[in-house]
Amino acid sequence: MNKVRKRPQVIHDLLEIATYIAEDNLEASDRFLAAAEKTFQQLGKMPEMGKSCHFSHPKLAGIRQQAIKGFQKYFIFYLSTDSGVEIIRVIYGGRDIEAILYEDLEENNAE
């Protein structure tokens, strides 16, 4: 149980955050990307290490979150699967996370 699957939006999230961080500190941006990847791998090995999220919308049930080590304001949102984890998004903690995740859900159901 080590498989880590990333939704396409995750790559966009990582690039957006890394670009934002790089505006002030290019080295920190590189550290962020490395720390995110390391956290993804840890989640693949220990899916239960993240905290269970409690959103009001029932379709968001089962989503867990884990802060990126060294970048505690950035959270990985994921689902445990039979073979590992599915990374849904990487989001800055100051945003309306439930609204973002719900919007993603609605977009995916519309396709």
Protein backbone atom coordinates (compact mmCIF):
# COMPACT_ATOMS: atom_id res chain seq x y z
CA MET A 1 0.00 0.00 0.00
CA ASN A 2 2.34 2.73 -1.26
CA LYS A 3 0.61 4.03 -4.35
CA VAL A 4 0.19 7.80 -4.53
CA ARG A 5 -2.11 9.07 -7.25
CA LYS A 6 -2.29 12.82 -7.85
CA ARG A 7 -5.25 14.43 -9.55
CA PRO A 8 -4.22 16.80 -12.38
CA GLN A 9 -5.24 19.83 -10.29
CA VAL A 10 -2.55 18.94 -7.73
CA ILE A 11 0.24 19.72 -10.22
CA HIS A 12 -1.38 23.09 -10.91
CA ASP A 13 -1.68 23.75 -7.15
CA LEU A 14 1.99 22.91 -6.56
CA LEU A 15 3.21 25.11 -9.42
CA GLU A 16 1.01 28.01 -8.34
CA ILE A 17 2.20 27.85 -4.72
CA ALA A 18 5.85 27.33 -5.68
CA THR A 19 5.69 30.32 -8.04
CA TYR A 20 4.20 32.47 -5.29
CA ILE A 21 6.88 31.41 -2.80
CA ALA A 22 9.63 31.93 -5.41
CA GLU A 23 8.68 35.60 -5.74
CA ASP A 24 10.36 36.13 -2.36
CA ASN A 25 12.67 33.14 -2.05
CA LEU A 26 13.62 30.75 -4.84
CA GLU A 27 15.33 28.32 -2.44
CA ALA A 28 12.20 28.14 -0.26
CA SER A 29 10.17 27.35 -3.37
CA ASP A 30 12.41 24.36 -4.12
CA ARG A 31 12.16 23.25 -0.48
CA PHE A 32 8.38 23.49 -0.67
CA LEU A 33 8.19 21.20 -3.71
CA ALA A 34 10.56 18.66 -2.12
CA ALA A 35 8.64 18.76 1.19
CA ALA A 36 5.32 18.27 -0.62
CA GLU A 37 6.64 15.23 -2.50
CA LYS A 38 8.08 13.77 0.70
CA THR A 39 4.73 14.24 2.45
CA PHE A 40 2.91 12.55 -0.47
CA GLN A 41 5.19 9.52 -0.09
CA GLN A 42 4.67 9.41 3.69
CA LEU A 43 0.90 9.50 3.17
CA GLY A 44 1.21 6.61 0.71
CA LYS A 45 2.88 4.56 3.45
CA MET A 46 0.69 5.78 6.32
CA PRO A 47 -2.65 7.06 4.96
CA GLU A 48 -4.13 7.42 8.43
CA MET A 49 -1.48 9.93 9.56
CA GLY A 50 -3.54 12.85 8.30
CA LYS A 51 -6.42 14.39 10.19
CA SER A 52 -9.99 13.54 9.20
CA CYS A 53 -11.85 16.55 7.80
CA HIS A 54 -15.39 17.31 8.89
CA PHE A 55 -17.10 19.24 6.13
CA SER A 56 -20.80 20.09 6.10
CA HIS A 57 -21.37 18.64 2.64
CA PRO A 58 -21.78 14.83 2.74
CA LYS A 59 -20.12 14.35 -0.66
CA LEU A 60 -16.86 15.55 0.91
CA ALA A 61 -16.88 12.76 3.50
CA GLY A 62 -13.71 10.75 3.86
CA ILE A 63 -11.32 13.54 2.92
CA ARG A 64 -8.26 13.82 5.14
CA GLN A 65 -5.68 16.60 5.46
CA GLN A 66 -2.00 16.79 6.28
CA ALA A 67 0.17 19.88 6.60
CA ILE A 68 3.36 19.95 4.56
CA LYS A 69 6.31 19.70 6.93
CA GLY A 70 8.11 23.02 7.12
CA PHE A 71 5.18 24.75 5.37
CA GLN A 72 2.47 24.34 8.00
CA LYS A 73 0.05 26.77 6.33
CA TYR A 74 -0.21 24.55 3.24
CA PHE A 75 -2.37 21.44 3.40
CA ILE A 76 -2.62 18.30 1.33
CA PHE A 77 -6.18 17.01 0.95
CA TYR A 78 -6.50 13.36 0.07
CA LEU A 79 -8.55 10.18 0.17
CA SER A 80 -7.35 6.79 1.39
CA THR A 81 -7.70 4.09 -1.26
CA ASP A 82 -7.20 0.31 -1.21
CA SER A 83 -3.77 0.74 -2.78
CA GLY A 84 -2.57 3.95 -1.07
CA VAL A 85 -3.82 7.52 -1.37
CA GLU A 86 -5.36 9.83 -3.94
CA ILE A 87 -4.14 13.41 -3.56
CA ILE A 88 -7.03 15.75 -4.35
CA ARG A 89 -5.60 19.23 -3.79
CA VAL A 90 -2.84 21.23 -2.10
CA ILE A 91 -4.34 24.42 -0.67
CA TYR A 92 -3.20 27.34 1.47
CA GLY A 93 -4.99 27.06 4.83
CA GLY A 94 -6.30 30.64 4.78
CA ARG A 95 -8.63 29.93 1.87
CA ASP A 96 -12.24 28.65 1.98
CA ILE A 97 -11.22 25.02 1.68
CA GLU A 98 -14.67 23.46 1.79
CA ALA A 99 -15.91 25.75 -1.00
CA ILE A 100 -12.86 24.92 -3.16
CA LEU A 101 -13.24 21.17 -2.66
CA TYR A 102 -17.00 21.31 -3.27
CA GLU A 103 -16.48 23.31 -6.47
CA ASP A 104 -13.98 20.68 -7.66
CA LEU A 105 -16.51 17.96 -6.90
CA GLU A 106 -19.21 19.74 -8.89
CA GLU A 107 -16.83 20.28 -11.86
CA ASN A 108 -15.80 16.60 -11.85
CA ASN A 109 -19.44 15.46 -11.74
CA ALA A 110 -20.33 17.76 -14.66
CA GLU A 111 -17.78 16.08 -16.95
